[in-house]
Amino acid sequence: MEKSMETLLGPDRPSKTAYVDRMTTTTIAPPPLDLYATSPGTLLTEAQLAAALGIAQKTARSWRSLGKGPAWRNLGGALVRYRAGDVVAWMDSHRG
């Protein structure tokens, strides 16, 4: 005889689907910044830079290791930041 999901889980326990839904996580990308409207001294994270330029964070890391891309600052350990003014200057110097 086949048992129902309610019998297996109990009447006061969440359904299997509800349990899976609560365990599902999603990664939401930060909204892109308007770099030209941002104060030049604003420090951007790698995620903010990637969102603003429409690139993957992995690309930003690759650029740093190759000495390409906008100027960046290491604030200690793995804490890397980009000054918004440097990013705008870099973008302006790479016009097509």
C-alpha atoms as a PDB file:
ATOM      1  CA  MET A   1       0.000   0.000   0.000  1.00  0.00           C
ATOM      2  CA  GLU A   2       1.375   3.429  -0.953  1.00  0.00           C
ATOM      3  CA  LYS A   3       1.504   6.099   1.757  1.00  0.00           C
ATOM      4  CA  SER A   4       0.749   9.761   1.072  1.00  0.00           C
ATOM      5  CA  MET A   5       3.304  12.531   1.651  1.00  0.00           C
ATOM      6  CA  GLU A   6       1.203  13.796   4.586  1.00  0.00           C
ATOM      7  CA  THR A   7       1.399  10.394   6.240  1.00  0.00           C
ATOM      8  CA  LEU A   8       5.173  10.239   5.704  1.00  0.00           C
ATOM      9  CA  LEU A   9       5.888  13.786   6.841  1.00  0.00           C
ATOM     10  CA  GLY A  10       3.121  14.198   9.392  1.00  0.00           C
ATOM     11  CA  PRO A  11       0.246  16.697   9.283  1.00  0.00           C
ATOM     12  CA  ASP A  12       2.137  19.465  11.132  1.00  0.00           C
ATOM     13  CA  ARG A  13       5.390  19.198   9.155  1.00  0.00           C
ATOM     14  CA  PRO A  14       6.059  21.181   5.975  1.00  0.00           C
ATOM     15  CA  SER A  15       5.740  19.453   2.646  1.00  0.00           C
ATOM     16  CA  LYS A  16       8.854  18.217   0.907  1.00  0.00           C
ATOM     17  CA  THR A  17       8.519  20.974  -1.693  1.00  0.00           C
ATOM     18  CA  ALA A  18       8.282  23.704   0.963  1.00  0.00           C
ATOM     19  CA  TYR A  19      11.392  22.343   2.651  1.00  0.00           C
ATOM     20  CA  VAL A  20      13.347  22.393  -0.618  1.00  0.00           C
ATOM     21  CA  ASP A  21      12.151  25.920  -1.412  1.00  0.00           C
ATOM     22  CA  ARG A  22      13.402  27.250   1.935  1.00  0.00           C
ATOM     23  CA  MET A  23      16.782  25.619   1.409  1.00  0.00           C
ATOM     24  CA  THR A  24      17.236  27.105  -2.044  1.00  0.00           C
ATOM     25  CA  THR A  25      19.496  30.129  -2.116  1.00  0.00           C
ATOM     26  CA  THR A  26      19.897  32.635  -4.870  1.00  0.00           C
ATOM     27  CA  THR A  27      22.697  35.044  -5.509  1.00  0.00           C
ATOM     28  CA  ILE A  28      21.558  38.538  -6.403  1.00  0.00           C
ATOM     29  CA  ALA A  29      24.047  40.750  -8.183  1.00  0.00           C
ATOM     30  CA  PRO A  30      24.423  44.276  -6.835  1.00  0.00           C
ATOM     31  CA  PRO A  31      22.747  46.945  -8.943  1.00  0.00           C
ATOM     32  CA  PRO A  32      25.127  48.636 -11.379  1.00  0.00           C
ATOM     33  CA  LEU A  33      26.382  52.075 -10.435  1.00  0.00           C
ATOM     34  CA  ASP A  34      26.392  55.121 -12.650  1.00  0.00           C
ATOM     35  CA  LEU A  35      30.117  55.787 -12.363  1.00  0.00           C
ATOM     36  CA  TYR A  36      29.832  59.256 -13.905  1.00  0.00           C
ATOM     37  CA  ALA A  37      27.305  60.290 -11.229  1.00  0.00           C
ATOM     38  CA  THR A  38      29.300  58.721  -8.381  1.00  0.00           C
ATOM     39  CA  SER A  39      31.737  60.836  -6.389  1.00  0.00           C
ATOM     40  CA  PRO A  40      35.284  60.290  -7.772  1.00  0.00           C
ATOM     41  CA  GLY A  41      36.585  59.353  -4.329  1.00  0.00           C
ATOM     42  CA  THR A  42      34.051  56.592  -3.751  1.00  0.00           C
ATOM     43  CA  LEU A  43      35.701  53.222  -3.238  1.00  0.00           C
ATOM     44  CA  LEU A  44      34.095  50.363  -5.147  1.00  0.00           C
ATOM     45  CA  THR A  45      34.221  46.684  -4.348  1.00  0.00           C
ATOM     46  CA  GLU A  46      35.124  44.155  -7.009  1.00  0.00           C
ATOM     47  CA  ALA A  47      31.443  43.198  -7.286  1.00  0.00           C
ATOM     48  CA  GLN A  48      30.414  46.839  -7.788  1.00  0.00           C
ATOM     49  CA  LEU A  49      33.105  47.343 -10.426  1.00  0.00           C
ATOM     50  CA  ALA A  50      32.034  44.194 -12.269  1.00  0.00           C
ATOM     51  CA  ALA A  51      28.367  45.235 -12.193  1.00  0.00           C
ATOM     52  CA  ALA A  52      29.163  48.770 -13.387  1.00  0.00           C
ATOM     53  CA  LEU A  53      31.304  47.528 -16.280  1.00  0.00           C
ATOM     54  CA  GLY A  54      29.116  44.548 -17.119  1.00  0.00           C
ATOM     55  CA  ILE A  55      31.934  42.036 -16.601  1.00  0.00           C
ATOM     56  CA  ALA A  56      32.423  38.999 -14.393  1.00  0.00           C
ATOM     57  CA  GLN A  57      34.310  39.412 -11.119  1.00  0.00           C
ATOM     58  CA  LYS A  58      36.707  36.789 -12.449  1.00  0.00           C
ATOM     59  CA  THR A  59      37.556  39.165 -15.311  1.00  0.00           C
ATOM     60  CA  ALA A  60      38.399  41.949 -12.839  1.00  0.00           C
ATOM     61  CA  ARG A  61      40.721  39.547 -10.963  1.00  0.00           C
ATOM     62  CA  SER A  62      42.336  38.518 -14.225  1.00  0.00           C
ATOM     63  CA  TRP A  63      42.914  42.137 -15.218  1.00  0.00           C
ATOM     64  CA  ARG A  64      44.605  42.821 -11.865  1.00  0.00           C
ATOM     65  CA  SER A  65      46.947  39.850 -12.234  1.00  0.00           C
ATOM     66  CA  LEU A  66      47.844  40.915 -15.791  1.00  0.00           C
ATOM     67  CA  GLY A  67      48.333  44.587 -14.869  1.00  0.00           C
ATOM     68  CA  LYS A  68      45.389  45.661 -17.036  1.00  0.00           C
ATOM     69  CA  GLY A  69      42.147  47.396 -16.169  1.00  0.00           C
ATOM     70  CA  PRO A  70      41.518  50.350 -13.878  1.00  0.00           C
ATOM     71  CA  ALA A  71      43.874  51.256 -11.041  1.00  0.00           C
ATOM     72  CA  TRP A  72      43.109  49.434  -7.801  1.00  0.00           C
ATOM     73  CA  ARG A  73      44.155  49.611  -4.184  1.00  0.00           C
ATOM     74  CA  ASN A  74      44.924  46.810  -1.773  1.00  0.00           C
ATOM     75  CA  LEU A  75      43.691  47.865   1.644  1.00  0.00           C
ATOM     76  CA  GLY A  76      45.175  44.834   3.359  1.00  0.00           C
ATOM     77  CA  GLY A  77      44.951  41.134   2.664  1.00  0.00           C
ATOM     78  CA  ALA A  78      42.333  40.401   0.036  1.00  0.00           C
ATOM     79  CA  LEU A  79      40.564  43.746   0.514  1.00  0.00           C
ATOM     80  CA  VAL A  80      40.727  45.287  -2.974  1.00  0.00           C
ATOM     81  CA  ARG A  81      38.992  48.536  -3.873  1.00  0.00           C
ATOM     82  CA  TYR A  82      38.703  50.703  -6.990  1.00  0.00           C
ATOM     83  CA  ARG A  83      38.329  54.487  -6.827  1.00  0.00           C
ATOM     84  CA  ALA A  84      35.368  55.551  -8.982  1.00  0.00           C
ATOM     85  CA  GLY A  85      37.394  58.417 -10.500  1.00  0.00           C
ATOM     86  CA  ASP A  86      40.137  55.983 -11.580  1.00  0.00           C
ATOM     87  CA  VAL A  87      37.574  53.703 -13.206  1.00  0.00           C
ATOM     88  CA  VAL A  88      36.017  56.613 -15.133  1.00  0.00           C
ATOM     89  CA  ALA A  89      39.470  57.811 -16.255  1.00  0.00           C
ATOM     90  CA  TRP A  90      40.348  54.285 -17.381  1.00  0.00           C
ATOM     91  CA  MET A  91      37.067  53.990 -19.316  1.00  0.00           C
ATOM     92  CA  ASP A  92      37.615  57.376 -20.971  1.00  0.00           C
ATOM     93  CA  SER A  93      41.130  56.391 -22.051  1.00  0.00           C
ATOM     94  CA  HIS A  94      39.744  53.283 -23.778  1.00  0.00           C
ATOM     95  CA  ARG A  95      37.233  54.888 -26.094  1.00  0.00           C
ATOM     96  CA  GLY A  96      36.768  53.245 -29.471  1.00  0.00           C
END
